[in-house]
Amino acid sequence: MKQHVRFCTAGDGVRLAYAVHGSGPPLVRVATWLSHLELDWESPVWRHWLRQLGDRHTLVPLGDDELAAALAWNMVVPPAIRGALLARELDGSDVLAHTSVPVLVSHGRDDMIVLPSMAERTLAACPAATPSWYDDVGHMPFWEAPGRFDRELADLARAARSSQPARPNPLWPLPRALTDG
């Protein structure tokens, strides 16, 4: 599958590259600090995911202005300020409570970067959320359990297209908070 590389220009004149690929309904893929337009296609972490998503969707980035702004956020913020921002507590419960589209909360029970309690908090705040707990998986279920992750993501996309809530798989274990008493 061929991706089409395009460019946008940030407010400070820096040209930024982004890519679009696939066919079908659009799906926004937000780049992370690990993303690379060409190397993602060679990466055993990303390539299967990019191919499968592109079979069903047109993967598009954020709009030019939003992409430029998002990429610039970390470039202009001094490390000490970034650290302070990361240390603050954010609460999006009000937004999550009013979310009506299907939401899948995929989380590894052994995640030491984003603790499972954050997933539990999201699930408690969002009535549209369905849990998907991965036992013996850390921070990257898409890498550590790609087959299951891909199936669940495809199910979520189908549910979103049909405007029906995603149904939990009866084989998914309940969050520990619900089973420990």
C-alpha atoms as a PDB file:
ATOM      1  CA  MET A   1       0.000   0.000   0.000  1.00  0.00           C
ATOM      2  CA  LYS A   2       1.455   3.326  -1.012  1.00  0.00           C
ATOM      3  CA  GLN A   3       1.324   6.331   1.241  1.00  0.00           C
ATOM      4  CA  HIS A   4       1.159   9.839  -0.162  1.00  0.00           C
ATOM      5  CA  VAL A   5       3.577  12.206   1.562  1.00  0.00           C
ATOM      6  CA  ARG A   6       2.451  15.810   1.765  1.00  0.00           C
ATOM      7  CA  PHE A   7       3.762  18.921   3.483  1.00  0.00           C
ATOM      8  CA  CYS A   8       2.374  21.721   5.568  1.00  0.00           C
ATOM      9  CA  THR A   9       4.091  24.846   6.852  1.00  0.00           C
ATOM     10  CA  ALA A  10       4.054  25.818  10.519  1.00  0.00           C
ATOM     11  CA  GLY A  11       3.526  29.410  11.584  1.00  0.00           C
ATOM     12  CA  ASP A  12       7.279  29.845  12.019  1.00  0.00           C
ATOM     13  CA  GLY A  13       7.948  28.716   8.437  1.00  0.00           C
ATOM     14  CA  VAL A  14       9.120  25.163   9.260  1.00  0.00           C
ATOM     15  CA  ARG A  15       7.893  22.631   6.683  1.00  0.00           C
ATOM     16  CA  LEU A  16       6.447  19.463   8.183  1.00  0.00           C
ATOM     17  CA  ALA A  17       5.805  16.192   6.355  1.00  0.00           C
ATOM     18  CA  TYR A  18       2.766  13.988   6.861  1.00  0.00           C
ATOM     19  CA  ALA A  19       1.308  10.993   5.040  1.00  0.00           C
ATOM     20  CA  VAL A  20      -2.113   9.744   3.931  1.00  0.00           C
ATOM     21  CA  HIS A  21      -2.815   6.148   2.893  1.00  0.00           C
ATOM     22  CA  GLY A  22      -5.602   3.614   2.592  1.00  0.00           C
ATOM     23  CA  SER A  23      -9.166   3.656   1.366  1.00  0.00           C
ATOM     24  CA  GLY A  24     -12.485   3.867   3.128  1.00  0.00           C
ATOM     25  CA  PRO A  25     -13.841   6.134   5.855  1.00  0.00           C
ATOM     26  CA  PRO A  26     -11.228   8.520   7.255  1.00  0.00           C
ATOM     27  CA  LEU A  27      -9.435   7.622  10.465  1.00  0.00           C
ATOM     28  CA  VAL A  28      -7.139  10.146  12.130  1.00  0.00           C
ATOM     29  CA  ARG A  29      -3.784   8.735  13.219  1.00  0.00           C
ATOM     30  CA  VAL A  30      -1.971  11.012  15.606  1.00  0.00           C
ATOM     31  CA  ALA A  31       1.807  10.801  15.359  1.00  0.00           C
ATOM     32  CA  THR A  32       3.796  10.110  18.496  1.00  0.00           C
ATOM     33  CA  TRP A  33       7.409  10.816  19.323  1.00  0.00           C
ATOM     34  CA  LEU A  34       8.121   7.310  18.021  1.00  0.00           C
ATOM     35  CA  SER A  35       6.545   7.943  14.593  1.00  0.00           C
ATOM     36  CA  HIS A  36       8.483   8.231  11.347  1.00  0.00           C
ATOM     37  CA  LEU A  37       6.814   8.477   7.924  1.00  0.00           C
ATOM     38  CA  GLU A  38       9.052   5.946   6.200  1.00  0.00           C
ATOM     39  CA  LEU A  39      10.423   3.812   9.022  1.00  0.00           C
ATOM     40  CA  ASP A  40       6.958   3.031  10.435  1.00  0.00           C
ATOM     41  CA  TRP A  41       6.368   0.864   7.335  1.00  0.00           C
ATOM     42  CA  GLU A  42       9.504  -1.168   8.134  1.00  0.00           C
ATOM     43  CA  SER A  43       8.859  -1.389  11.863  1.00  0.00           C
ATOM     44  CA  PRO A  44       7.560  -4.683  13.254  1.00  0.00           C
ATOM     45  CA  VAL A  45       5.660  -2.532  15.772  1.00  0.00           C
ATOM     46  CA  TRP A  46       3.681  -0.467  13.246  1.00  0.00           C
ATOM     47  CA  ARG A  47       3.673  -2.091   9.786  1.00  0.00           C
ATOM     48  CA  HIS A  48       0.939  -4.698  10.347  1.00  0.00           C
ATOM     49  CA  TRP A  49      -1.226  -2.066  11.992  1.00  0.00           C
ATOM     50  CA  LEU A  50      -0.756   0.451   9.173  1.00  0.00           C
ATOM     51  CA  ARG A  51      -1.540  -2.163   6.514  1.00  0.00           C
ATOM     52  CA  GLN A  52      -4.661  -3.482   8.212  1.00  0.00           C
ATOM     53  CA  LEU A  53      -6.039  -0.060   9.051  1.00  0.00           C
ATOM     54  CA  GLY A  54      -5.350   1.107   5.497  1.00  0.00           C
ATOM     55  CA  ASP A  55      -7.373  -1.819   4.133  1.00  0.00           C
ATOM     56  CA  ARG A  56     -10.495  -0.438   5.815  1.00  0.00           C
ATOM     57  CA  HIS A  57      -9.840   3.278   6.277  1.00  0.00           C
ATOM     58  CA  THR A  58      -8.095   6.271   4.797  1.00  0.00           C
ATOM     59  CA  LEU A  59      -5.567   7.188   7.455  1.00  0.00           C
ATOM     60  CA  VAL A  60      -5.227  10.933   7.633  1.00  0.00           C
ATOM     61  CA  PRO A  61      -3.298  13.148   9.996  1.00  0.00           C
ATOM     62  CA  LEU A  62      -4.673  16.111  11.861  1.00  0.00           C
ATOM     63  CA  GLY A  63      -5.425  19.124   9.660  1.00  0.00           C
ATOM     64  CA  ASP A  64      -2.430  21.234   8.597  1.00  0.00           C
ATOM     65  CA  ASP A  65      -2.928  23.881  11.278  1.00  0.00           C
ATOM     66  CA  GLU A  66      -3.617  21.370  14.041  1.00  0.00           C
ATOM     67  CA  LEU A  67      -0.681  19.179  12.994  1.00  0.00           C
ATOM     68  CA  ALA A  68       1.717  22.105  12.894  1.00  0.00           C
ATOM     69  CA  ALA A  69       0.515  23.307  16.292  1.00  0.00           C
ATOM     70  CA  ALA A  70       0.740  19.836  17.855  1.00  0.00           C
ATOM     71  CA  LEU A  71       4.251  19.246  16.573  1.00  0.00           C
ATOM     72  CA  ALA A  72       5.352  22.667  17.751  1.00  0.00           C
ATOM     73  CA  TRP A  73       4.016  22.309  21.294  1.00  0.00           C
ATOM     74  CA  ASN A  74       6.970  20.305  22.568  1.00  0.00           C
ATOM     75  CA  MET A  75       9.510  22.277  20.538  1.00  0.00           C
ATOM     76  CA  VAL A  76       8.710  25.602  22.195  1.00  0.00           C
ATOM     77  CA  VAL A  77       8.126  24.457  25.772  1.00  0.00           C
ATOM     78  CA  PRO A  78      11.242  24.266  27.972  1.00  0.00           C
ATOM     79  CA  PRO A  79      11.824  20.843  29.585  1.00  0.00           C
ATOM     80  CA  ALA A  80      11.150  22.155  33.124  1.00  0.00           C
ATOM     81  CA  ILE A  81       7.770  23.487  32.037  1.00  0.00           C
ATOM     82  CA  ARG A  82       6.917  20.234  30.223  1.00  0.00           C
ATOM     83  CA  GLY A  83       7.747  18.351  33.414  1.00  0.00           C
ATOM     84  CA  ALA A  84       5.492  20.589  35.472  1.00  0.00           C
ATOM     85  CA  LEU A  85       2.675  20.187  32.952  1.00  0.00           C
ATOM     86  CA  LEU A  86       3.018  16.419  33.044  1.00  0.00           C
ATOM     87  CA  ALA A  87       2.946  16.449  36.843  1.00  0.00           C
ATOM     88  CA  ARG A  88      -0.379  18.275  37.021  1.00  0.00           C
ATOM     89  CA  GLU A  89      -3.608  16.385  37.381  1.00  0.00           C
ATOM     90  CA  LEU A  90      -5.950  16.530  34.431  1.00  0.00           C
ATOM     91  CA  ASP A  91      -9.589  15.620  34.661  1.00  0.00           C
ATOM     92  CA  GLY A  92     -11.610  15.050  31.520  1.00  0.00           C
ATOM     93  CA  SER A  93     -14.421  13.225  33.318  1.00  0.00           C
ATOM     94  CA  ASP A  94     -16.996  15.776  32.205  1.00  0.00           C
ATOM     95  CA  VAL A  95     -16.115  15.192  28.541  1.00  0.00           C
ATOM     96  CA  LEU A  96     -15.964  11.416  28.949  1.00  0.00           C
ATOM     97  CA  ALA A  97     -19.367  11.378  30.670  1.00  0.00           C
ATOM     98  CA  HIS A  98     -20.981  12.920  27.591  1.00  0.00           C
ATOM     99  CA  THR A  99     -19.179  10.817  24.973  1.00  0.00           C
ATOM    100  CA  SER A 100     -21.731   8.921  22.920  1.00  0.00           C
ATOM    101  CA  VAL A 101     -19.529   7.220  20.311  1.00  0.00           C
ATOM    102  CA  PRO A 102     -18.125   3.773  21.055  1.00  0.00           C
ATOM    103  CA  VAL A 103     -14.891   3.919  23.055  1.00  0.00           C
ATOM    104  CA  LEU A 104     -12.523   0.997  23.538  1.00  0.00           C
ATOM    105  CA  VAL A 105     -10.171   1.223  26.506  1.00  0.00           C
ATOM    106  CA  SER A 106      -7.318  -1.191  25.711  1.00  0.00           C
ATOM    107  CA  HIS A 107      -4.862  -1.524  28.552  1.00  0.00           C
ATOM    108  CA  GLY A 108      -2.133  -3.909  29.612  1.00  0.00           C
ATOM    109  CA  ARG A 109      -2.407  -4.993  33.227  1.00  0.00           C
ATOM    110  CA  ASP A 110       1.409  -4.820  33.502  1.00  0.00           C
ATOM    111  CA  ASP A 111       1.675  -1.276  32.082  1.00  0.00           C
ATOM    112  CA  MET A 112       4.169   0.657  34.212  1.00  0.00           C
ATOM    113  CA  ILE A 113       3.993   3.846  32.104  1.00  0.00           C
ATOM    114  CA  VAL A 114       0.250   4.517  32.283  1.00  0.00           C
ATOM    115  CA  LEU A 115      -1.014   2.588  35.270  1.00  0.00           C
ATOM    116  CA  PRO A 116      -4.140   0.432  34.934  1.00  0.00           C
ATOM    117  CA  SER A 117      -5.874   2.686  37.454  1.00  0.00           C
ATOM    118  CA  MET A 118      -6.038   5.340  34.718  1.00  0.00           C
ATOM    119  CA  ALA A 119      -7.950   2.937  32.482  1.00  0.00           C
ATOM    120  CA  GLU A 120     -10.268   2.136  35.393  1.00  0.00           C
ATOM    121  CA  ARG A 121     -10.849   5.850  35.906  1.00  0.00           C
ATOM    122  CA  THR A 122     -11.674   6.310  32.210  1.00  0.00           C
ATOM    123  CA  LEU A 123     -14.059   3.354  32.280  1.00  0.00           C
ATOM    124  CA  ALA A 124     -15.831   4.707  35.366  1.00  0.00           C
ATOM    125  CA  ALA A 125     -16.265   8.146  33.791  1.00  0.00           C
ATOM    126  CA  CYS A 126     -17.308   7.080  30.279  1.00  0.00           C
ATOM    127  CA  PRO A 127     -20.562   5.144  29.892  1.00  0.00           C
ATOM    128  CA  ALA A 128     -19.755   4.523  26.202  1.00  0.00           C
ATOM    129  CA  ALA A 129     -16.475   2.774  27.084  1.00  0.00           C
ATOM    130  CA  THR A 130     -15.825  -0.945  26.800  1.00  0.00           C
ATOM    131  CA  PRO A 131     -12.843  -2.432  28.641  1.00  0.00           C
ATOM    132  CA  SER A 132     -10.242  -4.623  27.014  1.00  0.00           C
ATOM    133  CA  TRP A 133      -7.763  -5.801  29.627  1.00  0.00           C
ATOM    134  CA  TYR A 134      -4.609  -7.543  28.471  1.00  0.00           C
ATOM    135  CA  ASP A 135      -3.089  -9.878  31.047  1.00  0.00           C
ATOM    136  CA  ASP A 136       0.712 -10.190  30.928  1.00  0.00           C
ATOM    137  CA  VAL A 137       0.925  -7.158  28.609  1.00  0.00           C
ATOM    138  CA  GLY A 138       2.609  -3.842  29.346  1.00  0.00           C
ATOM    139  CA  HIS A 139       2.316  -0.457  27.645  1.00  0.00           C
ATOM    140  CA  MET A 140       1.932  -1.614  24.025  1.00  0.00           C
ATOM    141  CA  PRO A 141      -0.938  -4.071  23.478  1.00  0.00           C
ATOM    142  CA  PHE A 142      -0.780  -3.323  19.742  1.00  0.00           C
ATOM    143  CA  TRP A 143       2.759  -4.775  19.765  1.00  0.00           C
ATOM    144  CA  GLU A 144       2.505  -7.408  22.479  1.00  0.00           C
ATOM    145  CA  ALA A 145      -0.844  -8.865  21.329  1.00  0.00           C
ATOM    146  CA  PRO A 146      -1.298  -7.554  17.759  1.00  0.00           C
ATOM    147  CA  GLY A 147      -3.862 -10.097  16.546  1.00  0.00           C
ATOM    148  CA  ARG A 148      -6.282  -9.415  19.358  1.00  0.00           C
ATOM    149  CA  PHE A 149      -5.651  -5.668  19.273  1.00  0.00           C
ATOM    150  CA  ASP A 150      -6.295  -5.521  15.517  1.00  0.00           C
ATOM    151  CA  ARG A 151      -9.530  -7.537  15.814  1.00  0.00           C
ATOM    152  CA  GLU A 152     -10.824  -5.334  18.604  1.00  0.00           C
ATOM    153  CA  LEU A 153      -9.932  -2.147  16.748  1.00  0.00           C
ATOM    154  CA  ALA A 154     -11.746  -3.422  13.633  1.00  0.00           C
ATOM    155  CA  ASP A 155     -14.787  -4.272  15.785  1.00  0.00           C
ATOM    156  CA  LEU A 156     -14.716  -0.774  17.249  1.00  0.00           C
ATOM    157  CA  ALA A 157     -14.557   0.797  13.776  1.00  0.00           C
ATOM    158  CA  ARG A 158     -17.545  -1.308  12.661  1.00  0.00           C
ATOM    159  CA  ALA A 159     -19.484  -0.286  15.770  1.00  0.00           C
ATOM    160  CA  ALA A 160     -18.674   3.388  15.185  1.00  0.00           C
ATOM    161  CA  ARG A 161     -19.812   3.163  11.552  1.00  0.00           C
ATOM    162  CA  SER A 162     -23.083   1.505  12.529  1.00  0.00           C
ATOM    163  CA  SER A 163     -23.587   3.909  15.462  1.00  0.00           C
ATOM    164  CA  GLN A 164     -24.155   0.927  17.703  1.00  0.00           C
ATOM    165  CA  PRO A 165     -22.310   0.639  21.001  1.00  0.00           C
ATOM    166  CA  ALA A 166     -19.384  -1.765  20.945  1.00  0.00           C
ATOM    167  CA  ARG A 167     -20.364  -4.960  22.741  1.00  0.00           C
ATOM    168  CA  PRO A 168     -17.917  -6.304  25.279  1.00  0.00           C
ATOM    169  CA  ASN A 169     -16.439  -9.675  24.485  1.00  0.00           C
ATOM    170  CA  PRO A 170     -17.512 -12.091  27.252  1.00  0.00           C
ATOM    171  CA  LEU A 171     -13.970 -13.468  27.269  1.00  0.00           C
ATOM    172  CA  TRP A 172     -12.470 -10.126  28.302  1.00  0.00           C
ATOM    173  CA  PRO A 173     -11.674 -10.195  31.997  1.00  0.00           C
ATOM    174  CA  LEU A 174     -13.263  -7.576  34.207  1.00  0.00           C
ATOM    175  CA  PRO A 175     -11.028  -4.900  35.698  1.00  0.00           C
ATOM    176  CA  ARG A 176      -9.379  -6.081  38.919  1.00  0.00           C
ATOM    177  CA  ALA A 177     -11.191  -3.327  40.817  1.00  0.00           C
ATOM    178  CA  LEU A 178     -14.476  -5.041  39.945  1.00  0.00           C
ATOM    179  CA  THR A 179     -13.343  -8.559  40.781  1.00  0.00           C
ATOM    180  CA  ASP A 180     -11.398  -7.967  43.997  1.00  0.00           C
ATOM    181  CA  GLY A 181     -14.337  -7.126  46.123  1.00  0.00           C
END
